Amino acid sequence: MDKFKTLEIVQKTPNSRVFHLYLNRPSHRNALSRDFFFEFPKALTSLDQNPNVRVVVLSGAGNHFCAGIDLGTLGSISDQSVSSDRGRAGEKFRREIKYLQEAITAIERCRKPVIAGIHGACIGGGIDIVTGCDIRYCTDEAFFSVKEVDLAITADLGTLQRLPAIVGYGNAMELALTGRRFSGQEARQLGLVSRTFRSKEEMDEAVRLVAEDIASKSPLAVTGTKAVLLRSRDLTVDQGLDYVATWNSAMLLSDDLTEAISAHTQKRKPVFAKL
């Protein structure tokens, strides 16, 4: 496994096709440092390219999921953008923001499903991360805040683009303009998370079961479903139907399809090859 300063990759049981990716700065409430933005896409690319990985579970080490971007990181970005030429400084700053955005978008670029298990704080950049994930669960005691407005920042790493499609435009606008704290239960009511749990242990077990179930399915079908859903988000219904028709014309007739039909007929669990 690759070694990281801000992350940890764990395969909890031998031969499991579910790998765990931990935000691993617990003493800083997993605040997002400069190193994180370099390491996170690297870790996701490693998991994406590993044929033994079928599902990624993303969570935070320690008492919190993520307290947002490290204020030291904000300071360093600001310092780097100082220039006597406002135009050149702005162009450099834009490239810096795009670099940070790409680190978060790496979640969507990972072909494997990424499931977020959220406990404790999920603030600012934490919401940027979880809105990029494919499935989200949290504990009852988890709390959330689109905090950037309170730091005189327009959120720019994905929340304003992804959150409206998850919780609705009006709810996203209210949360982003107020920066107010909301609970795990409210996150469930809004649709930000699919389920809440009384304890982290209960959530971890439920996430494990869901992840193992998805990992048992055809990897071609799973990665295809993620890819088509993400692409269809930005398309009309007709365009989305055309896209999936083209996708399946290339992917549908596979050994996975043959195995799925055989297993169903023989009343056994299917066994699919690595992708």
C-alpha atoms as a PDB file:
ATOM      1  CA  MET A   1       0.000   0.000   0.000  1.00  0.00           C
ATOM      2  CA  ASP A   2       1.094   3.582  -0.687  1.00  0.00           C
ATOM      3  CA  LYS A   3       2.075   5.637   2.359  1.00  0.00           C
ATOM      4  CA  PHE A   4       0.408   9.011   2.844  1.00  0.00           C
ATOM      5  CA  LYS A   5       0.699  11.882   5.315  1.00  0.00           C
ATOM      6  CA  THR A   6      -3.014  12.712   5.390  1.00  0.00           C
ATOM      7  CA  LEU A   7      -4.699   9.445   4.384  1.00  0.00           C
ATOM      8  CA  GLU A   8      -4.670   5.728   5.107  1.00  0.00           C
ATOM      9  CA  ILE A   9      -5.833   2.857   2.892  1.00  0.00           C
ATOM     10  CA  VAL A  10      -6.928  -0.298   4.716  1.00  0.00           C
ATOM     11  CA  GLN A  11      -8.165  -3.691   3.550  1.00  0.00           C
ATOM     12  CA  LYS A  12      -9.807  -4.861   6.757  1.00  0.00           C
ATOM     13  CA  THR A  13     -10.120  -8.540   5.898  1.00  0.00           C
ATOM     14  CA  PRO A  14      -8.022 -10.647   3.515  1.00  0.00           C
ATOM     15  CA  ASN A  15      -9.646 -11.198   0.103  1.00  0.00           C
ATOM     16  CA  SER A  16     -12.246  -8.491   0.767  1.00  0.00           C
ATOM     17  CA  ARG A  17     -13.020  -6.442  -2.325  1.00  0.00           C
ATOM     18  CA  VAL A  18     -13.974  -3.475  -0.133  1.00  0.00           C
ATOM     19  CA  PHE A  19     -11.127  -1.082   0.681  1.00  0.00           C
ATOM     20  CA  HIS A  20     -11.308   1.684   3.284  1.00  0.00           C
ATOM     21  CA  LEU A  21      -9.869   5.141   2.685  1.00  0.00           C
ATOM     22  CA  TYR A  22      -9.475   7.214   5.864  1.00  0.00           C
ATOM     23  CA  LEU A  23      -8.969  10.949   6.178  1.00  0.00           C
ATOM     24  CA  ASN A  24      -6.147  10.605   8.662  1.00  0.00           C
ATOM     25  CA  ARG A  25      -5.327  13.808  10.520  1.00  0.00           C
ATOM     26  CA  PRO A  26      -7.394  13.134  13.643  1.00  0.00           C
ATOM     27  CA  SER A  27      -5.516  15.637  15.805  1.00  0.00           C
ATOM     28  CA  HIS A  28      -6.629  18.345  13.342  1.00  0.00           C
ATOM     29  CA  ARG A  29     -10.186  16.976  12.989  1.00  0.00           C
ATOM     30  CA  ASN A  30      -9.106  15.819   9.508  1.00  0.00           C
ATOM     31  CA  ALA A  31      -8.864  19.385   8.212  1.00  0.00           C
ATOM     32  CA  LEU A  32      -7.746  19.449   4.582  1.00  0.00           C
ATOM     33  CA  SER A  33      -4.081  20.417   4.290  1.00  0.00           C
ATOM     34  CA  ARG A  34      -2.047  21.155   1.188  1.00  0.00           C
ATOM     35  CA  ASP A  35      -0.730  17.580   1.307  1.00  0.00           C
ATOM     36  CA  PHE A  36      -4.305  16.254   1.219  1.00  0.00           C
ATOM     37  CA  PHE A  37      -5.021  17.877  -2.135  1.00  0.00           C
ATOM     38  CA  PHE A  38      -1.946  16.194  -3.606  1.00  0.00           C
ATOM     39  CA  GLU A  39      -2.522  12.799  -1.979  1.00  0.00           C
ATOM     40  CA  PHE A  40      -6.291  12.360  -2.301  1.00  0.00           C
ATOM     41  CA  PRO A  41      -6.484  12.017  -6.107  1.00  0.00           C
ATOM     42  CA  LYS A  42      -3.353   9.848  -6.021  1.00  0.00           C
ATOM     43  CA  ALA A  43      -5.006   7.491  -3.503  1.00  0.00           C
ATOM     44  CA  LEU A  44      -8.244   7.312  -5.491  1.00  0.00           C
ATOM     45  CA  THR A  45      -6.379   6.616  -8.718  1.00  0.00           C
ATOM     46  CA  SER A  46      -4.505   3.803  -6.955  1.00  0.00           C
ATOM     47  CA  LEU A  47      -7.775   2.273  -5.740  1.00  0.00           C
ATOM     48  CA  ASP A  48      -9.416   2.760  -9.134  1.00  0.00           C
ATOM     49  CA  GLN A  49      -6.591   0.959 -10.935  1.00  0.00           C
ATOM     50  CA  ASN A  50      -6.333  -1.891  -8.402  1.00  0.00           C
ATOM     51  CA  PRO A  51      -8.321  -4.852  -9.838  1.00  0.00           C
ATOM     52  CA  ASN A  52      -8.842  -6.218  -6.310  1.00  0.00           C
ATOM     53  CA  VAL A  53     -10.880  -3.148  -5.340  1.00  0.00           C
ATOM     54  CA  ARG A  54     -14.587  -3.042  -6.163  1.00  0.00           C
ATOM     55  CA  VAL A  55     -15.911  -0.577  -3.578  1.00  0.00           C
ATOM     56  CA  VAL A  56     -14.250   2.226  -1.601  1.00  0.00           C
ATOM     57  CA  VAL A  57     -15.510   3.276   1.849  1.00  0.00           C
ATOM     58  CA  LEU A  58     -14.458   6.807   2.790  1.00  0.00           C
ATOM     59  CA  SER A  59     -14.482   7.882   6.445  1.00  0.00           C
ATOM     60  CA  GLY A  60     -12.593   9.954   8.977  1.00  0.00           C
ATOM     61  CA  ALA A  61     -10.138   8.746  11.617  1.00  0.00           C
ATOM     62  CA  GLY A  62     -10.758   9.956  15.154  1.00  0.00           C
ATOM     63  CA  ASN A  63     -13.832  11.814  16.370  1.00  0.00           C
ATOM     64  CA  HIS A  64     -14.776  13.684  13.198  1.00  0.00           C
ATOM     65  CA  PHE A  65     -15.190  13.152   9.473  1.00  0.00           C
ATOM     66  CA  CYS A  66     -13.720  16.480   8.320  1.00  0.00           C
ATOM     67  CA  ALA A  67     -13.570  19.992   9.792  1.00  0.00           C
ATOM     68  CA  GLY A  68     -13.066  21.622   6.380  1.00  0.00           C
ATOM     69  CA  ILE A  69     -10.053  23.184   4.738  1.00  0.00           C
ATOM     70  CA  ASP A  70      -7.068  23.872   6.967  1.00  0.00           C
ATOM     71  CA  LEU A  71      -6.800  27.619   7.547  1.00  0.00           C
ATOM     72  CA  GLY A  72      -3.048  27.317   6.988  1.00  0.00           C
ATOM     73  CA  THR A  73      -3.787  26.027   3.490  1.00  0.00           C
ATOM     74  CA  LEU A  74      -5.979  29.060   2.820  1.00  0.00           C
ATOM     75  CA  GLY A  75      -3.170  31.318   3.997  1.00  0.00           C
ATOM     76  CA  SER A  76      -0.587  29.679   1.756  1.00  0.00           C
ATOM     77  CA  ILE A  77      -2.872  29.962  -1.282  1.00  0.00           C
ATOM     78  CA  SER A  78      -3.421  33.645  -0.564  1.00  0.00           C
ATOM     79  CA  ASP A  79       0.315  34.278  -0.151  1.00  0.00           C
ATOM     80  CA  GLN A  80       1.129  32.570  -3.448  1.00  0.00           C
ATOM     81  CA  SER A  81      -1.286  34.824  -5.318  1.00  0.00           C
ATOM     82  CA  VAL A  82       0.419  38.092  -4.382  1.00  0.00           C
ATOM     83  CA  SER A  83       1.629  39.912  -7.503  1.00  0.00           C
ATOM     84  CA  SER A  84       1.944  43.488  -8.719  1.00  0.00           C
ATOM     85  CA  ASP A  85       0.008  42.431 -11.836  1.00  0.00           C
ATOM     86  CA  ARG A  86      -3.612  41.832 -10.831  1.00  0.00           C
ATOM     87  CA  GLY A  87      -4.364  39.951 -14.058  1.00  0.00           C
ATOM     88  CA  ARG A  88      -1.482  37.506 -13.666  1.00  0.00           C
ATOM     89  CA  ALA A  89      -2.209  37.052  -9.965  1.00  0.00           C
ATOM     90  CA  GLY A  90      -5.844  36.283 -10.783  1.00  0.00           C
ATOM     91  CA  GLU A  91      -4.901  33.815 -13.506  1.00  0.00           C
ATOM     92  CA  LYS A  92      -2.537  32.018 -11.124  1.00  0.00           C
ATOM     93  CA  PHE A  93      -5.171  31.951  -8.393  1.00  0.00           C
ATOM     94  CA  ARG A  94      -7.714  30.490 -10.825  1.00  0.00           C
ATOM     95  CA  ARG A  95      -5.300  27.672 -11.687  1.00  0.00           C
ATOM     96  CA  GLU A  96      -4.807  27.023  -7.971  1.00  0.00           C
ATOM     97  CA  ILE A  97      -8.566  26.746  -7.404  1.00  0.00           C
ATOM     98  CA  LYS A  98      -8.892  24.401 -10.387  1.00  0.00           C
ATOM     99  CA  TYR A  99      -6.127  22.216  -8.919  1.00  0.00           C
ATOM    100  CA  LEU A 100      -8.006  21.936  -5.611  1.00  0.00           C
ATOM    101  CA  GLN A 101     -11.279  21.236  -7.450  1.00  0.00           C
ATOM    102  CA  GLU A 102      -9.702  18.376  -9.380  1.00  0.00           C
ATOM    103  CA  ALA A 103      -8.678  16.698  -6.122  1.00  0.00           C
ATOM    104  CA  ILE A 104     -12.324  16.529  -5.011  1.00  0.00           C
ATOM    105  CA  THR A 105     -13.649  15.599  -8.462  1.00  0.00           C
ATOM    106  CA  ALA A 106     -11.294  12.588  -8.327  1.00  0.00           C
ATOM    107  CA  ILE A 107     -14.086  10.868  -6.353  1.00  0.00           C
ATOM    108  CA  GLU A 108     -16.326  10.986  -9.414  1.00  0.00           C
ATOM    109  CA  ARG A 109     -13.499  10.037 -11.750  1.00  0.00           C
ATOM    110  CA  CYS A 110     -12.908   6.858  -9.722  1.00  0.00           C
ATOM    111  CA  ARG A 111     -14.842   4.128 -11.533  1.00  0.00           C
ATOM    112  CA  LYS A 112     -15.484   2.235  -8.298  1.00  0.00           C
ATOM    113  CA  PRO A 113     -18.382   3.355  -6.061  1.00  0.00           C
ATOM    114  CA  VAL A 114     -17.297   5.533  -3.126  1.00  0.00           C
ATOM    115  CA  ILE A 115     -19.450   5.277   0.017  1.00  0.00           C
ATOM    116  CA  ALA A 116     -19.098   7.975   2.690  1.00  0.00           C
ATOM    117  CA  GLY A 117     -19.535   7.030   6.352  1.00  0.00           C
ATOM    118  CA  ILE A 118     -19.840  10.324   8.247  1.00  0.00           C
ATOM    119  CA  HIS A 119     -19.535  10.904  11.999  1.00  0.00           C
ATOM    120  CA  GLY A 120     -18.829  14.014  14.039  1.00  0.00           C
ATOM    121  CA  ALA A 121     -18.155  17.201  12.100  1.00  0.00           C
ATOM    122  CA  CYS A 122     -18.623  17.457   8.337  1.00  0.00           C
ATOM    123  CA  ILE A 123     -17.955  21.100   7.619  1.00  0.00           C
ATOM    124  CA  GLY A 124     -17.064  23.168   4.556  1.00  0.00           C
ATOM    125  CA  GLY A 125     -14.647  21.091   2.512  1.00  0.00           C
ATOM    126  CA  GLY A 126     -16.094  17.988   4.169  1.00  0.00           C
ATOM    127  CA  ILE A 127     -19.382  18.685   2.396  1.00  0.00           C
ATOM    128  CA  ASP A 128     -17.480  19.247  -0.861  1.00  0.00           C
ATOM    129  CA  ILE A 129     -16.132  15.711  -0.408  1.00  0.00           C
ATOM    130  CA  VAL A 130     -19.334  13.910   0.569  1.00  0.00           C
ATOM    131  CA  THR A 131     -21.422  15.522  -2.189  1.00  0.00           C
ATOM    132  CA  GLY A 132     -18.953  13.946  -4.640  1.00  0.00           C
ATOM    133  CA  CYS A 133     -19.491  10.489  -3.127  1.00  0.00           C
ATOM    134  CA  ASP A 134     -21.953   7.984  -4.574  1.00  0.00           C
ATOM    135  CA  ILE A 135     -23.704   6.946  -1.343  1.00  0.00           C
ATOM    136  CA  ARG A 136     -23.720   8.743   2.014  1.00  0.00           C
ATOM    137  CA  TYR A 137     -24.576   7.508   5.526  1.00  0.00           C
ATOM    138  CA  CYS A 138     -24.090   9.242   8.872  1.00  0.00           C
ATOM    139  CA  THR A 139     -24.542   8.838  12.608  1.00  0.00           C
ATOM    140  CA  ASP A 140     -27.300  10.648  14.504  1.00  0.00           C
ATOM    141  CA  GLU A 141     -24.688  12.803  16.232  1.00  0.00           C
ATOM    142  CA  ALA A 142     -23.036  13.931  12.992  1.00  0.00           C
ATOM    143  CA  PHE A 143     -23.375  17.606  12.160  1.00  0.00           C
ATOM    144  CA  PHE A 144     -22.926  19.542   8.961  1.00  0.00           C
ATOM    145  CA  SER A 145     -22.311  23.116   7.827  1.00  0.00           C
ATOM    146  CA  VAL A 146     -21.688  24.758   4.455  1.00  0.00           C
ATOM    147  CA  LYS A 147     -19.360  27.044   6.341  1.00  0.00           C
ATOM    148  CA  GLU A 148     -17.537  28.974   3.639  1.00  0.00           C
ATOM    149  CA  VAL A 149     -19.806  32.059   3.743  1.00  0.00           C
ATOM    150  CA  ASP A 150     -18.768  32.629   7.382  1.00  0.00           C
ATOM    151  CA  LEU A 151     -15.125  32.779   6.261  1.00  0.00           C
ATOM    152  CA  ALA A 152     -15.951  35.350   3.540  1.00  0.00           C
ATOM    153  CA  ILE A 153     -15.557  32.682   0.844  1.00  0.00           C
ATOM    154  CA  THR A 154     -17.863  31.586  -1.972  1.00  0.00           C
ATOM    155  CA  ALA A 155     -17.659  27.792  -1.758  1.00  0.00           C
ATOM    156  CA  ASP A 156     -15.682  26.707  -4.815  1.00  0.00           C
ATOM    157  CA  LEU A 157     -14.783  23.014  -4.523  1.00  0.00           C
ATOM    158  CA  GLY A 158     -18.091  21.462  -5.590  1.00  0.00           C
ATOM    159  CA  THR A 159     -20.773  21.974  -2.935  1.00  0.00           C
ATOM    160  CA  LEU A 160     -22.613  24.726  -4.829  1.00  0.00           C
ATOM    161  CA  GLN A 161     -22.586  22.600  -7.985  1.00  0.00           C
ATOM    162  CA  ARG A 162     -23.493  19.183  -6.479  1.00  0.00           C
ATOM    163  CA  LEU A 163     -25.595  19.917  -3.389  1.00  0.00           C
ATOM    164  CA  PRO A 164     -28.667  21.348  -5.244  1.00  0.00           C
ATOM    165  CA  ALA A 165     -29.110  18.088  -7.175  1.00  0.00           C
ATOM    166  CA  ILE A 166     -29.018  16.162  -3.888  1.00  0.00           C
ATOM    167  CA  VAL A 167     -31.155  18.272  -1.512  1.00  0.00           C
ATOM    168  CA  GLY A 168     -32.977  20.591  -3.930  1.00  0.00           C
ATOM    169  CA  TYR A 169     -32.129  24.107  -5.083  1.00  0.00           C
ATOM    170  CA  GLY A 170     -34.007  25.949  -2.349  1.00  0.00           C
ATOM    171  CA  ASN A 171     -32.534  23.877   0.477  1.00  0.00           C
ATOM    172  CA  ALA A 172     -29.030  24.217  -0.949  1.00  0.00           C
ATOM    173  CA  MET A 173     -29.417  27.979  -1.240  1.00  0.00           C
ATOM    174  CA  GLU A 174     -30.592  28.284   2.381  1.00  0.00           C
ATOM    175  CA  LEU A 175     -27.784  26.108   3.749  1.00  0.00           C
ATOM    176  CA  ALA A 176     -25.100  27.865   1.709  1.00  0.00           C
ATOM    177  CA  LEU A 177     -26.239  31.423   2.503  1.00  0.00           C
ATOM    178  CA  THR A 178     -26.719  30.885   6.237  1.00  0.00           C
ATOM    179  CA  GLY A 179     -23.818  28.502   6.878  1.00  0.00           C
ATOM    180  CA  ARG A 180     -25.964  27.128   9.689  1.00  0.00           C
ATOM    181  CA  ARG A 181     -25.216  23.876  11.442  1.00  0.00           C
ATOM    182  CA  PHE A 182     -27.639  21.019  10.788  1.00  0.00           C
ATOM    183  CA  SER A 183     -27.910  17.559  12.298  1.00  0.00           C
ATOM    184  CA  GLY A 184     -27.590  14.060  10.923  1.00  0.00           C
ATOM    185  CA  GLN A 185     -31.350  13.660  11.243  1.00  0.00           C
ATOM    186  CA  GLU A 186     -31.959  16.803   9.183  1.00  0.00           C
ATOM    187  CA  ALA A 187     -29.392  15.622   6.648  1.00  0.00           C
ATOM    188  CA  ARG A 188     -31.520  12.480   6.267  1.00  0.00           C
ATOM    189  CA  GLN A 189     -34.703  14.518   5.866  1.00  0.00           C
ATOM    190  CA  LEU A 190     -33.042  16.665   3.208  1.00  0.00           C
ATOM    191  CA  GLY A 191     -31.762  13.596   1.342  1.00  0.00           C
ATOM    192  CA  LEU A 192     -28.087  14.416   1.857  1.00  0.00           C
ATOM    193  CA  VAL A 193     -27.650  10.994   3.476  1.00  0.00           C
ATOM    194  CA  SER A 194     -29.615   7.822   2.794  1.00  0.00           C
ATOM    195  CA  ARG A 195     -29.726   6.552   6.398  1.00  0.00           C
ATOM    196  CA  THR A 196     -28.671   7.574   9.899  1.00  0.00           C
ATOM    197  CA  PHE A 197     -27.462   5.342  12.727  1.00  0.00           C
ATOM    198  CA  ARG A 198     -27.435   5.567  16.511  1.00  0.00           C
ATOM    199  CA  SER A 199     -23.706   4.876  16.789  1.00  0.00           C
ATOM    200  CA  LYS A 200     -20.573   4.819  14.665  1.00  0.00           C
ATOM    201  CA  GLU A 201     -20.262   1.062  15.248  1.00  0.00           C
ATOM    202  CA  GLU A 202     -23.772   0.504  13.936  1.00  0.00           C
ATOM    203  CA  MET A 203     -23.065   2.693  10.915  1.00  0.00           C
ATOM    204  CA  ASP A 204     -19.746   0.984  10.175  1.00  0.00           C
ATOM    205  CA  GLU A 205     -21.420  -2.438  10.165  1.00  0.00           C
ATOM    206  CA  ALA A 206     -24.253  -1.260   7.912  1.00  0.00           C
ATOM    207  CA  VAL A 207     -21.786   0.367   5.510  1.00  0.00           C
ATOM    208  CA  ARG A 208     -19.757  -2.845   5.452  1.00  0.00           C
ATOM    209  CA  LEU A 209     -22.810  -4.906   4.514  1.00  0.00           C
ATOM    210  CA  VAL A 210     -23.853  -2.501   1.750  1.00  0.00           C
ATOM    211  CA  ALA A 211     -20.300  -2.303   0.388  1.00  0.00           C
ATOM    212  CA  GLU A 212     -19.840  -6.087   0.396  1.00  0.00           C
ATOM    213  CA  ASP A 213     -23.197  -6.512  -1.354  1.00  0.00           C
ATOM    214  CA  ILE A 214     -22.238  -4.064  -4.123  1.00  0.00           C
ATOM    215  CA  ALA A 215     -18.795  -5.702  -4.377  1.00  0.00           C
ATOM    216  CA  SER A 216     -20.461  -9.056  -5.066  1.00  0.00           C
ATOM    217  CA  LYS A 217     -22.183  -7.740  -8.193  1.00  0.00           C
ATOM    218  CA  SER A 218     -20.870  -7.541 -11.743  1.00  0.00           C
ATOM    219  CA  PRO A 219     -18.071  -4.945 -11.757  1.00  0.00           C
ATOM    220  CA  LEU A 220     -18.970  -4.037 -15.337  1.00  0.00           C
ATOM    221  CA  ALA A 221     -22.559  -3.337 -14.316  1.00  0.00           C
ATOM    222  CA  VAL A 222     -21.561  -1.423 -11.175  1.00  0.00           C
ATOM    223  CA  THR A 223     -19.008   0.832 -12.861  1.00  0.00           C
ATOM    224  CA  GLY A 224     -21.392   1.319 -15.779  1.00  0.00           C
ATOM    225  CA  THR A 225     -24.230   2.333 -13.485  1.00  0.00           C
ATOM    226  CA  LYS A 226     -22.034   4.942 -11.760  1.00  0.00           C
ATOM    227  CA  ALA A 227     -20.723   6.301 -15.050  1.00  0.00           C
ATOM    228  CA  VAL A 228     -24.151   6.551 -16.672  1.00  0.00           C
ATOM    229  CA  LEU A 229     -25.800   8.178 -13.642  1.00  0.00           C
ATOM    230  CA  LEU A 230     -23.028  10.784 -13.391  1.00  0.00           C
ATOM    231  CA  ARG A 231     -23.170  11.537 -17.118  1.00  0.00           C
ATOM    232  CA  SER A 232     -26.971  11.662 -17.181  1.00  0.00           C
ATOM    233  CA  ARG A 233     -26.972  14.305 -14.430  1.00  0.00           C
ATOM    234  CA  ASP A 234     -25.889  16.861 -17.030  1.00  0.00           C
ATOM    235  CA  LEU A 235     -27.988  15.571 -19.947  1.00  0.00           C
ATOM    236  CA  THR A 236     -31.623  15.680 -21.049  1.00  0.00           C
ATOM    237  CA  VAL A 237     -33.571  12.419 -20.741  1.00  0.00           C
ATOM    238  CA  ASP A 238     -33.220  11.785 -24.487  1.00  0.00           C
ATOM    239  CA  GLN A 239     -29.489  12.453 -24.382  1.00  0.00           C
ATOM    240  CA  GLY A 240     -29.107  10.208 -21.336  1.00  0.00           C
ATOM    241  CA  LEU A 241     -30.987   7.377 -23.038  1.00  0.00           C
ATOM    242  CA  ASP A 242     -28.785   7.740 -26.100  1.00  0.00           C
ATOM    243  CA  TYR A 243     -25.668   7.671 -23.906  1.00  0.00           C
ATOM    244  CA  VAL A 244     -26.671   4.481 -22.075  1.00  0.00           C
ATOM    245  CA  ALA A 245     -27.643   2.830 -25.366  1.00  0.00           C
ATOM    246  CA  THR A 246     -24.152   3.529 -26.693  1.00  0.00           C
ATOM    247  CA  TRP A 247     -22.581   2.398 -23.393  1.00  0.00           C
ATOM    248  CA  ASN A 248     -24.464  -0.922 -23.329  1.00  0.00           C
ATOM    249  CA  SER A 249     -23.814  -1.599 -27.007  1.00  0.00           C
ATOM    250  CA  ALA A 250     -20.151  -1.861 -25.989  1.00  0.00           C
ATOM    251  CA  MET A 251     -20.449  -3.379 -22.483  1.00  0.00           C
ATOM    252  CA  LEU A 252     -23.645  -5.440 -22.150  1.00  0.00           C
ATOM    253  CA  LEU A 253     -22.651  -8.604 -24.005  1.00  0.00           C
ATOM    254  CA  SER A 254     -20.010  -9.817 -21.582  1.00  0.00           C
ATOM    255  CA  ASP A 255     -18.896 -12.834 -19.568  1.00  0.00           C
ATOM    256  CA  ASP A 256     -20.581 -11.148 -16.583  1.00  0.00           C
ATOM    257  CA  LEU A 257     -23.967 -11.364 -18.275  1.00  0.00           C
ATOM    258  CA  THR A 258     -23.450 -15.043 -19.074  1.00  0.00           C
ATOM    259  CA  GLU A 259     -22.360 -15.762 -15.493  1.00  0.00           C
ATOM    260  CA  ALA A 260     -25.294 -13.830 -13.978  1.00  0.00           C
ATOM    261  CA  ILE A 261     -27.820 -15.779 -16.054  1.00  0.00           C
ATOM    262  CA  SER A 262     -26.134 -19.125 -15.302  1.00  0.00           C
ATOM    263  CA  ALA A 263     -25.996 -18.409 -11.567  1.00  0.00           C
ATOM    264  CA  HIS A 264     -29.665 -17.406 -11.506  1.00  0.00           C
ATOM    265  CA  THR A 265     -30.664 -20.569 -13.372  1.00  0.00           C
ATOM    266  CA  GLN A 266     -28.520 -22.789 -11.129  1.00  0.00           C
ATOM    267  CA  LYS A 267     -29.629 -20.973  -7.930  1.00  0.00           C
ATOM    268  CA  ARG A 268     -26.076 -20.109  -6.841  1.00  0.00           C
ATOM    269  CA  LYS A 269     -24.126 -16.943  -6.209  1.00  0.00           C
ATOM    270  CA  PRO A 270     -22.394 -15.581  -9.310  1.00  0.00           C
ATOM    271  CA  VAL A 271     -18.626 -15.235  -9.427  1.00  0.00           C
ATOM    272  CA  PHE A 272     -17.340 -12.389 -11.569  1.00  0.00           C
ATOM    273  CA  ALA A 273     -13.827 -11.791 -12.882  1.00  0.00           C
ATOM    274  CA  LYS A 274     -11.806  -8.787 -11.740  1.00  0.00           C
ATOM    275  CA  LEU A 275     -12.050  -5.602 -13.729  1.00  0.00           C
END
